[in-house]
Structures are given as C-alpha cells and as structure tokens.
Amino acid sequence: MSPRAGTAGPASPGTPPPTRTLAFVESPVQLLNVLEWAHAHGLSAPARRPATEDGHSPPPASAGPVRGLLTLVVLAPTDPMTRGQLRRMAELARDEGHEVRWEEARGGASAPFQTVGGLAGELRRAERVVMGDPFSRYVQLLLTITKARDLVVVDDGTATMEFTAQLSRGERLVRWHRKGGRPGPRDLLFAPVSAAARRRLAPGAGRGGRRVEVFSSMPIDAVPDGVSVTANRFVWTRARFGPPRVTAGADLVGTSLVETGVVDGDRYLAAVRALAEAHGATRYFAHRRESAEKLHRLAVETGLEVVRPELPLELIARRGPIGRTVLSFPSTVVHTLPLALAGTGVRVTVCDIDPSWLTATASPRAEGFLSGVTGTAPDVHRVTSAALPDRTAPRAP
C-alpha cells in the first residue's frame, strides 16, 4: 500500500473535516468509474500530464492535499483476467492519492465472514459509501451494516439503467438478464437482505435523511424521487490518457452475451465474422468474461487477432492505438467510448442483436433491453443485422 495513499492535508481554519468515504468495487470498470466520480468531486490528486501508451505519466508539479478521504475496497473475484485488470486499476487509484484495500472476498468458505467482519468497523465510521454494483449480494450485505447518510452508485455497465428503473418502481433488485426467471433457493434465502439493501438505497425524507447519488454515463430515464444524477463524461480518463494514435482500420469489441445465456454461441460467432468482413476489422477486444474456448474458436473461424486487454477498454482505447472505426454489439461501450474518445475522430458503430440470435432461455426482457441500450446511445452509428453478409449458422437445437 502506498504510504501516502488515502491521506489528506491539514484542514484550514474553519474548514469542515473531510468526509470519510468508503468505496466498494468488484470489477475494473467499477473501479474506473469510482476514479471518475472522485475526480468530479475533487477527491483526486492534482492533474497530471497525459499518460503514454505504457500507462505511465510524470507526477504533478505540486502535490497539494486531496480534498477528502477515500478508501477503496476491492472485493476481489476469482477470475484471473478480472483480477489482473483490477491490480492495474488499483495502482492507478493509488497514483491518484487513494487508499486501496484488497480483500480476498471469495477465497474460501470462510472468506465472506472474514471480509464482512473486517470491514464492519470501517462501514460504521463511513459517512459516505460508494458502490459499483447494487445488485451484488456482497454489496447488499455490507449496506445493511453501514449507517452512512450519503450513498453513491457508480456505473456497472448497462445494469445502472435497470437499477434506477427498479428502484423507482419499488421492485426487488434483479439483473436484467435474469428478469422473468423464477427465484432460486439462494435468492429466497437472501431475499430479506436484498429487501433491506433496497430500503437503504431509497432516499430518506427530511434534512437528516439519506442522500442517494447516481453517477453515470448511461441514459437514466426513470429517476426515483430524491435521487440525484450526475453525468460521467470521462473527464479523468481524457486528462490522464492519450490522445491516442488512430489507425486506418477497424476494431471489434467483444461481449459476454453468450456467457450470460442471452445470445446463442453459433449465432454470435457468425455475426462477428460477418461484421468483421463487412468493415475490414482485424482485432477483437475480448470482454473479460468471455471464455477461452469461445475466443479460440472465434480466432480460428474469423481470422481476427484476439486481444485480452489489461485495463478497461475505455483506457485501452484512449491510450491507443485504436482503429478509426470501433464496432460493437449493444453494451456499455456504445455509451462510454464516444465520451472517452471525444475529439479523436474515432467512429463507434453498433450492430443490433437480431431476435433470432437469442437463446430459448433468454429473459423475456432481453430483446427490448438490448434495443434500448442501442437506441439511447447518442453518438454512435447503427447497422442492422439484415445489412450484414449472410454468414449465420443454423440455430442450435
């Protein structure tokens, strides 16, 4: 841990003490968005010169005090690729003056009890809690312990759109791709904790009530009463990285829609092949959740160079090099990449998901939700599946 991490300079006379802020993240994108939130709220170190392609940049000329105290807790997953990206992001967070606490939250049967027990004191002292995934059972459990009056939800991808909609309707918190399924035994067992967390995330009435902020780059239509929404414009990312070198070709961004059971694997590979051929793409940036078997098959069948990024795609693209055209299926990046790459001349193109690509077990809401993700992205070009060359394989039985 960096010796200067999480420290704040002495307060000036008459200045209120810094707010104790505790942030919980479980993915690299969540950590990135916590850094963006901290920067937007004046909790980061002074601005640095942009980082080079290797991710390094010289320290600021004068390291003034950080206006606030942010402790960032990483609830580490088991997936090696995600852990690697989180390690790199943790170093960037320390560079910004934040304290980072790495918790092996899934390191065995007793790990959850040790993690929660070890964080209980910090949670009770925290005046503000920032979270990247309000659907996470871990986060929901931790929310039942804290007495913080200020709660902040930063983006965890497209799920933020569903979270605000469910909160405004008073529904139980369920990820969009599981919506419509019957609750399993673990869901029923955890239901009281989930209900308590949902109540904690509802703004309190009166002067002493809870304040809830959503910090997002996604379109938020259903805003619950009392919830404030702050736009994430990726200001920190643009200041810290780039501008990138833009190449003449096209790059394709992967998605985990097959892994989450939404899209048929054969249909997905056929669509990737057709999209790459139509636009001359040469690289495929893999999603951190894509399986090694699927990626191997994709490389063999499409000829694309599969790249497994060591940082969130917004940072990889901003560092460069990046193709002049970036192709994607409906996902978070169709909203975030135009912001991260603003002013670079890079065009983001999104391909709609054809209903015939959906699996028989996909959530009834999948088609409408994915269409909404694409339709609400303001700065992208669209291509329909009908416009692609016919490379689709027969649907798996």
Protein backbone atom coordinates (compact mmCIF):
# COMPACT_ATOMS: atom_id res chain seq x y z
CA MET A 1 0.00 0.00 0.00
CA SER A 2 1.34 3.41 -0.89
CA PRO A 3 2.44 5.32 2.24
CA ARG A 4 0.70 8.46 1.03
CA ALA A 5 -2.47 6.71 -0.07
CA GLY A 6 -5.66 7.98 1.44
CA THR A 7 -4.04 10.90 3.21
CA ALA A 8 -5.44 14.39 3.27
CA GLY A 9 -3.67 17.59 4.12
CA PRO A 10 -4.48 19.53 7.28
CA ALA A 11 -7.75 21.37 7.13
CA SER A 12 -7.69 25.14 7.02
CA PRO A 13 -9.24 27.02 9.98
CA GLY A 14 -12.99 26.98 9.64
CA THR A 15 -12.93 24.20 7.02
CA PRO A 16 -15.08 21.19 7.88
CA PRO A 17 -13.16 17.91 8.24
CA PRO A 18 -13.05 15.70 5.15
CA THR A 19 -15.88 13.22 4.69
CA ARG A 20 -14.97 9.60 5.34
CA THR A 21 -15.74 7.83 2.08
CA LEU A 22 -15.68 4.07 1.59
CA ALA A 23 -15.97 2.66 -1.95
CA PHE A 24 -16.62 -0.97 -2.88
CA VAL A 25 -15.74 -2.36 -6.31
CA GLU A 26 -15.77 -5.86 -7.81
CA SER A 27 -14.74 -5.12 -11.41
CA PRO A 28 -12.22 -2.93 -13.27
CA VAL A 29 -15.00 -0.82 -14.83
CA GLN A 30 -16.49 -0.11 -11.42
CA LEU A 31 -13.07 1.00 -10.17
CA LEU A 32 -12.61 3.23 -13.21
CA ASN A 33 -15.95 4.89 -12.54
CA VAL A 34 -15.09 5.43 -8.88
CA LEU A 35 -11.95 7.26 -10.06
CA GLU A 36 -14.09 9.35 -12.41
CA TRP A 37 -16.53 10.12 -9.57
CA ALA A 38 -13.68 11.07 -7.22
CA HIS A 39 -12.17 13.36 -9.85
CA ALA A 40 -15.53 15.03 -10.49
CA HIS A 41 -15.96 15.65 -6.76
CA GLY A 42 -12.47 16.99 -6.13
CA LEU A 43 -11.14 13.91 -4.35
CA SER A 44 -8.22 13.17 -6.68
CA ALA A 45 -4.63 14.35 -6.76
CA PRO A 46 -3.82 17.42 -8.87
CA ALA A 47 -3.97 16.94 -12.64
CA ARG A 48 -1.09 15.10 -14.26
CA ARG A 49 0.26 15.29 -17.77
CA PRO A 50 -1.38 12.65 -20.01
CA ALA A 51 -0.05 9.12 -19.68
CA THR A 52 1.86 7.47 -22.51
CA GLU A 53 0.91 4.18 -24.18
CA ASP A 54 2.60 2.21 -21.37
CA GLY A 55 0.27 3.87 -18.86
CA HIS A 56 2.92 5.95 -17.07
CA SER A 57 2.95 9.69 -16.54
CA PRO A 58 5.14 12.03 -14.51
CA PRO A 59 3.83 13.16 -11.12
CA PRO A 60 2.19 16.57 -10.83
CA ALA A 61 4.46 19.53 -10.28
CA SER A 62 2.95 20.21 -6.84
CA ALA A 63 1.09 17.51 -4.97
CA GLY A 64 -1.43 19.51 -2.97
CA PRO A 65 -3.76 18.00 -0.40
CA VAL A 66 -6.58 15.73 -1.51
CA ARG A 67 -9.95 17.25 -0.55
CA GLY A 68 -11.39 14.24 1.21
CA LEU A 69 -10.51 10.77 2.37
CA LEU A 70 -11.38 7.87 0.05
CA THR A 71 -10.73 4.26 0.97
CA LEU A 72 -11.30 1.98 -1.99
CA VAL A 73 -12.10 -1.65 -1.11
CA VAL A 74 -11.61 -4.24 -3.85
CA LEU A 75 -13.83 -7.29 -3.25
CA ALA A 76 -11.62 -9.49 -5.39
CA PRO A 77 -13.23 -12.01 -7.76
CA THR A 78 -11.63 -15.34 -8.69
CA ASP A 79 -11.41 -14.83 -12.46
CA PRO A 80 -7.70 -14.34 -13.37
CA MET A 81 -8.30 -11.76 -16.13
CA THR A 82 -10.54 -9.63 -13.94
CA ARG A 83 -8.05 -9.83 -11.06
CA GLY A 84 -5.24 -8.73 -13.36
CA GLN A 85 -7.18 -5.70 -14.58
CA LEU A 86 -8.13 -4.83 -11.01
CA ARG A 87 -4.46 -4.96 -9.93
CA ARG A 88 -3.55 -2.47 -12.65
CA MET A 89 -6.51 -0.23 -11.81
CA ALA A 90 -5.59 -0.36 -8.11
CA GLU A 91 -2.17 1.07 -8.95
CA LEU A 92 -3.80 3.92 -10.85
CA ALA A 93 -6.03 4.58 -7.84
CA ARG A 94 -3.00 4.77 -5.55
CA ASP A 95 -1.38 7.18 -8.01
CA GLU A 96 -4.44 9.40 -7.51
CA GLY A 97 -3.84 9.50 -3.75
CA HIS A 98 -6.48 6.98 -2.68
CA GLU A 99 -6.05 4.19 -0.16
CA VAL A 100 -6.70 0.77 -1.71
CA ARG A 101 -7.67 -2.23 0.39
CA TRP A 102 -7.59 -5.59 -1.41
CA GLU A 103 -9.95 -8.18 0.09
CA GLU A 104 -9.86 -11.86 -0.92
CA ALA A 105 -13.62 -11.86 -0.54
CA ARG A 106 -14.12 -15.16 -2.35
CA GLY A 107 -11.08 -17.07 -1.12
CA GLY A 108 -12.91 -19.97 0.51
CA ALA A 109 -15.98 -20.78 2.56
CA SER A 110 -14.96 -18.57 5.48
CA ALA A 111 -13.80 -15.62 3.32
CA PRO A 112 -17.17 -13.77 3.28
CA PHE A 113 -17.42 -13.86 7.07
CA GLN A 114 -13.84 -12.66 7.49
CA THR A 115 -14.33 -9.91 4.91
CA VAL A 116 -17.57 -8.60 6.38
CA GLY A 117 -16.22 -8.83 9.93
CA GLY A 118 -13.05 -6.99 8.98
CA LEU A 119 -14.98 -4.20 7.25
CA ALA A 120 -17.68 -3.72 9.91
CA GLY A 121 -15.77 -1.02 11.79
CA GLU A 122 -14.96 0.94 8.61
CA LEU A 123 -18.58 0.68 7.50
CA ARG A 124 -19.92 2.06 10.77
CA ARG A 125 -17.48 5.00 10.66
CA ALA A 126 -18.06 5.83 6.99
CA GLU A 127 -20.14 8.91 6.27
CA ARG A 128 -20.42 8.14 2.57
CA VAL A 129 -20.46 4.78 0.77
CA VAL A 130 -19.78 4.45 -2.97
CA MET A 131 -20.68 1.20 -4.71
CA GLY A 132 -20.30 -0.11 -8.24
CA ASP A 133 -22.91 -2.86 -8.19
CA PRO A 134 -26.07 -2.52 -6.10
CA PHE A 135 -27.16 -5.95 -7.43
CA SER A 136 -24.17 -7.65 -5.78
CA ARG A 137 -25.11 -9.79 -2.79
CA TYR A 138 -21.83 -8.80 -1.17
CA VAL A 139 -22.61 -5.11 -1.50
CA GLN A 140 -26.20 -5.59 -0.35
CA LEU A 141 -24.96 -7.37 2.77
CA LEU A 142 -22.48 -4.57 3.51
CA LEU A 143 -25.22 -1.98 3.05
CA THR A 144 -27.16 -3.48 5.95
CA ILE A 145 -24.23 -2.63 8.25
CA THR A 146 -23.43 0.95 7.29
CA LYS A 147 -25.17 3.97 8.77
CA ALA A 148 -23.79 6.34 6.14
CA ARG A 149 -26.21 9.09 5.13
CA ASP A 150 -24.65 9.57 1.69
CA LEU A 151 -24.84 6.66 -0.76
CA VAL A 152 -23.42 6.79 -4.29
CA VAL A 153 -23.95 4.30 -7.12
CA VAL A 154 -21.44 4.49 -9.97
CA ASP A 155 -21.86 2.69 -13.29
CA ASP A 156 -21.56 -1.06 -13.52
CA GLY A 157 -22.41 -1.00 -17.19
CA THR A 158 -25.90 -1.15 -18.61
CA ALA A 159 -27.20 -2.56 -15.31
CA THR A 160 -27.36 1.01 -13.98
CA MET A 161 -30.31 1.70 -16.28
CA GLU A 162 -32.20 -1.25 -14.84
CA PHE A 163 -31.23 -0.40 -11.25
CA THR A 164 -32.76 3.08 -11.34
CA ALA A 165 -35.87 1.78 -13.07
CA GLN A 166 -36.38 -0.95 -10.47
CA LEU A 167 -35.70 1.44 -7.60
CA SER A 168 -38.24 3.93 -8.90
CA ARG A 169 -40.86 1.17 -9.21
CA GLY A 170 -40.10 -0.27 -5.79
CA GLU A 171 -39.20 -3.67 -7.25
CA ARG A 172 -36.71 -6.19 -5.92
CA LEU A 173 -33.25 -5.75 -7.41
CA VAL A 174 -32.72 -8.33 -10.18
CA ARG A 175 -30.19 -8.15 -13.03
CA TRP A 176 -31.86 -7.55 -16.39
CA HIS A 177 -30.71 -10.81 -18.00
CA ARG A 178 -32.27 -12.78 -15.11
CA LYS A 179 -35.53 -10.84 -15.09
CA GLY A 180 -38.54 -13.08 -15.56
CA GLY A 181 -36.83 -16.19 -14.17
CA ARG A 182 -38.09 -17.97 -11.10
CA PRO A 183 -36.09 -17.16 -7.93
CA GLY A 184 -33.81 -19.99 -6.84
CA PRO A 185 -33.24 -21.25 -3.28
CA ARG A 186 -30.32 -18.87 -2.73
CA ASP A 187 -32.44 -15.94 -3.96
CA LEU A 188 -35.18 -16.80 -1.48
CA LEU A 189 -32.69 -17.22 1.36
CA PHE A 190 -31.08 -13.86 0.59
CA ALA A 191 -34.38 -12.03 -0.02
CA PRO A 192 -34.53 -10.32 3.43
CA VAL A 193 -31.02 -8.89 2.97
CA SER A 194 -31.81 -7.74 -0.57
CA ALA A 195 -35.01 -6.06 0.63
CA ALA A 196 -33.12 -4.28 3.42
CA ALA A 197 -30.48 -3.07 0.95
CA ARG A 198 -33.18 -1.74 -1.38
CA ARG A 199 -34.67 0.24 1.51
CA ARG A 200 -31.22 1.63 2.32
CA LEU A 201 -30.87 2.78 -1.29
CA ALA A 202 -34.12 4.72 -1.15
CA PRO A 203 -33.55 8.40 -0.25
CA GLY A 204 -34.73 9.40 3.20
CA ALA A 205 -37.13 12.25 3.79
CA GLY A 206 -36.20 15.36 5.71
CA ARG A 207 -33.00 17.15 6.47
CA GLY A 208 -31.42 14.20 8.26
CA GLY A 209 -32.43 11.61 5.65
CA ARG A 210 -30.19 9.65 3.34
CA ARG A 211 -28.89 11.25 0.16
CA VAL A 212 -28.51 9.00 -2.89
CA GLU A 213 -26.49 9.92 -5.98
CA VAL A 214 -26.17 8.00 -9.24
CA PHE A 215 -23.00 8.82 -11.18
CA SER A 216 -23.49 7.53 -14.69
CA SER A 217 -22.67 7.85 -18.37
CA MET A 218 -25.82 5.87 -19.19
CA PRO A 219 -29.20 7.44 -20.02
CA ILE A 220 -31.28 7.49 -16.84
CA ASP A 221 -34.94 8.00 -17.68
CA ALA A 222 -36.60 6.68 -14.53
CA VAL A 223 -35.13 8.76 -11.71
CA PRO A 224 -36.57 7.89 -8.30
CA ASP A 225 -37.76 10.81 -6.20
CA GLY A 226 -34.94 12.24 -4.15
CA VAL A 227 -32.14 10.64 -6.18
CA SER A 228 -29.64 13.00 -7.81
CA VAL A 229 -27.98 12.03 -11.10
CA THR A 230 -24.51 13.28 -12.05
CA ALA A 231 -23.25 12.77 -15.60
CA ASN A 232 -19.99 10.88 -16.03
CA ARG A 233 -18.18 12.45 -19.01
CA PHE A 234 -14.88 10.56 -18.53
CA VAL A 235 -13.02 13.77 -17.79
CA TRP A 236 -10.36 11.97 -15.71
CA THR A 237 -9.76 9.38 -18.45
CA ARG A 238 -9.26 12.04 -21.12
CA ALA A 239 -6.96 14.08 -18.88
CA ARG A 240 -4.90 11.08 -17.78
CA PHE A 241 -4.52 9.17 -21.08
CA GLY A 242 -3.99 9.99 -24.74
CA PRO A 243 -4.86 11.35 -27.15
CA PRO A 244 -4.43 8.01 -28.95
CA ARG A 245 -2.86 7.23 -32.27
CA VAL A 246 -5.75 6.46 -34.63
CA THR A 247 -5.16 3.82 -37.32
CA ALA A 248 -6.99 3.49 -40.63
CA GLY A 249 -8.57 0.12 -39.83
CA ALA A 250 -11.44 -1.13 -37.69
CA ASP A 251 -11.52 -2.86 -34.31
CA LEU A 252 -14.30 -5.05 -32.92
CA VAL A 253 -15.37 -5.12 -29.26
CA GLY A 254 -16.46 -8.40 -27.71
CA THR A 255 -19.39 -9.05 -25.40
CA SER A 256 -20.31 -11.64 -22.78
CA LEU A 257 -23.88 -12.08 -24.03
CA VAL A 258 -23.10 -15.73 -24.85
CA GLU A 259 -21.66 -16.36 -21.39
CA THR A 260 -24.72 -14.86 -19.70
CA GLY A 261 -27.01 -17.12 -21.73
CA VAL A 262 -28.65 -14.34 -23.76
CA VAL A 263 -27.26 -14.99 -27.26
CA ASP A 264 -26.63 -18.33 -28.98
CA GLY A 265 -22.92 -19.05 -29.40
CA ASP A 266 -23.08 -20.16 -33.05
CA ARG A 267 -25.17 -17.13 -33.99
CA TYR A 268 -22.76 -14.82 -32.20
CA LEU A 269 -19.67 -16.18 -33.97
CA ALA A 270 -21.41 -15.96 -37.33
CA ALA A 271 -22.37 -12.34 -36.64
CA VAL A 272 -18.81 -11.46 -35.59
CA ARG A 273 -17.45 -12.99 -38.79
CA ALA A 274 -19.95 -11.12 -40.96
CA LEU A 275 -19.36 -7.82 -39.15
CA ALA A 276 -15.57 -8.15 -39.45
CA GLU A 277 -15.79 -8.95 -43.17
CA ALA A 278 -18.17 -6.09 -43.89
CA HIS A 279 -15.99 -3.48 -42.14
CA GLY A 280 -12.49 -4.89 -42.54
CA ALA A 281 -11.88 -5.40 -38.81
CA THR A 282 -8.61 -7.05 -37.80
CA ARG A 283 -8.65 -7.02 -33.99
CA TYR A 284 -11.19 -8.34 -31.47
CA PHE A 285 -11.00 -6.85 -27.97
CA ALA A 286 -12.30 -9.61 -25.71
CA HIS A 287 -14.64 -8.98 -22.81
CA ARG A 288 -13.07 -10.11 -19.55
CA ARG A 289 -15.84 -12.69 -19.04
CA GLU A 290 -15.52 -14.38 -22.44
CA SER A 291 -14.42 -18.00 -22.21
CA ALA A 292 -11.07 -19.17 -23.57
CA GLU A 293 -12.78 -21.88 -25.64
CA LYS A 294 -15.08 -19.39 -27.34
CA LEU A 295 -12.23 -16.98 -28.06
CA HIS A 296 -10.07 -19.74 -29.53
CA ARG A 297 -12.88 -20.80 -31.84
CA LEU A 298 -13.53 -17.16 -32.79
CA ALA A 299 -9.87 -16.61 -33.72
CA VAL A 300 -9.78 -19.77 -35.85
CA GLU A 301 -13.07 -19.16 -37.65
CA THR A 302 -12.77 -15.40 -38.23
CA GLY A 303 -9.03 -14.78 -38.51
CA LEU A 304 -9.33 -11.87 -36.07
CA GLU A 305 -6.48 -11.14 -33.67
CA VAL A 306 -7.96 -11.66 -30.20
CA VAL A 307 -6.71 -9.09 -27.68
CA ARG A 308 -7.32 -9.59 -23.96
CA PRO A 309 -6.97 -6.04 -22.53
CA GLU A 310 -5.14 -5.47 -19.27
CA LEU A 311 -7.29 -2.41 -18.48
CA PRO A 312 -10.91 -1.39 -19.16
CA LEU A 313 -11.49 -0.74 -22.85
CA GLU A 314 -12.07 2.98 -22.30
CA LEU A 315 -8.45 3.31 -21.10
CA ILE A 316 -7.06 0.94 -23.74
CA ALA A 317 -8.77 2.91 -26.49
CA ARG A 318 -7.67 6.23 -25.04
CA ARG A 319 -4.05 5.07 -24.82
CA GLY A 320 -4.17 3.76 -28.40
CA PRO A 321 -3.52 2.75 -31.00
CA ILE A 322 -7.20 2.35 -31.92
CA GLY A 323 -8.98 1.86 -35.23
CA ARG A 324 -10.81 4.75 -36.84
CA THR A 325 -13.96 2.61 -36.61
CA VAL A 326 -14.86 0.67 -33.46
CA LEU A 327 -17.56 -1.98 -33.93
CA SER A 328 -19.66 -3.27 -31.06
CA PHE A 329 -22.83 -5.11 -30.19
CA PRO A 330 -25.22 -3.47 -27.66
CA SER A 331 -23.21 -2.96 -24.47
CA THR A 332 -21.92 -0.30 -22.14
CA VAL A 333 -19.12 0.74 -24.51
CA VAL A 334 -21.54 2.22 -27.06
CA HIS A 335 -22.19 4.88 -24.41
CA THR A 336 -18.75 5.19 -22.83
CA LEU A 337 -16.35 5.01 -25.79
CA PRO A 338 -17.74 8.12 -27.57
CA LEU A 339 -17.12 10.04 -24.32
CA ALA A 340 -13.64 8.64 -23.74
CA LEU A 341 -12.68 9.20 -27.39
CA ALA A 342 -14.30 12.61 -27.84
CA GLY A 343 -12.36 14.77 -30.27
CA THR A 344 -10.27 11.92 -31.71
CA GLY A 345 -12.30 11.31 -34.87
CA VAL A 346 -12.98 7.66 -33.96
CA ARG A 347 -16.44 6.45 -35.00
CA VAL A 348 -18.31 3.92 -32.86
CA THR A 349 -20.67 1.64 -34.79
CA VAL A 350 -23.12 -0.68 -33.06
CA CYS A 351 -24.76 -3.76 -34.58
CA ASP A 352 -28.25 -4.60 -33.36
CA ILE A 353 -28.96 -8.04 -31.90
CA ASP A 354 -31.33 -9.91 -34.19
CA PRO A 355 -34.16 -11.59 -32.21
CA SER A 356 -33.28 -14.91 -33.88
CA TRP A 357 -29.89 -14.84 -32.13
CA LEU A 358 -31.46 -15.03 -28.65
CA THR A 359 -31.43 -18.34 -26.80
CA ALA A 360 -34.61 -20.13 -25.78
CA THR A 361 -33.75 -19.40 -22.13
CA ALA A 362 -33.03 -15.68 -22.60
CA SER A 363 -35.01 -13.35 -20.36
CA PRO A 364 -38.28 -12.10 -21.90
CA ARG A 365 -36.88 -8.60 -21.41
CA ALA A 366 -33.63 -9.23 -23.30
CA GLU A 367 -34.71 -8.04 -26.75
CA GLY A 368 -36.29 -4.81 -25.52
CA PHE A 369 -33.47 -4.05 -23.11
CA LEU A 370 -30.71 -4.53 -25.70
CA SER A 371 -32.63 -2.46 -28.24
CA GLY A 372 -32.93 0.29 -25.63
CA VAL A 373 -29.19 0.22 -24.95
CA THR A 374 -28.51 0.89 -28.63
CA GLY A 375 -31.37 3.32 -29.21
CA THR A 376 -30.38 5.61 -26.34
CA ALA A 377 -26.70 5.93 -27.37
CA PRO A 378 -26.49 9.46 -28.86
CA ASP A 379 -23.12 9.45 -30.63
CA VAL A 380 -22.94 6.12 -32.43
CA HIS A 381 -23.70 4.82 -35.91
CA ARG A 382 -26.03 1.85 -36.23
CA VAL A 383 -26.00 -1.17 -38.50
CA THR A 384 -28.76 -3.76 -38.53
CA SER A 385 -28.15 -7.48 -38.72
CA ALA A 386 -30.07 -7.51 -42.02
CA ALA A 387 -27.33 -5.34 -43.56
CA LEU A 388 -24.63 -7.92 -42.81
CA PRO A 389 -23.50 -10.60 -45.27
CA ASP A 390 -25.36 -13.89 -44.71
CA ARG A 391 -22.92 -15.81 -42.51
CA THR A 392 -25.39 -17.00 -39.90
CA ALA A 393 -25.24 -20.62 -38.82
CA PRO A 394 -28.38 -22.66 -38.10
CA ARG A 395 -29.68 -22.07 -34.61
CA ALA A 396 -28.53 -24.66 -32.12
CA PRO A 397 -31.31 -27.05 -31.06
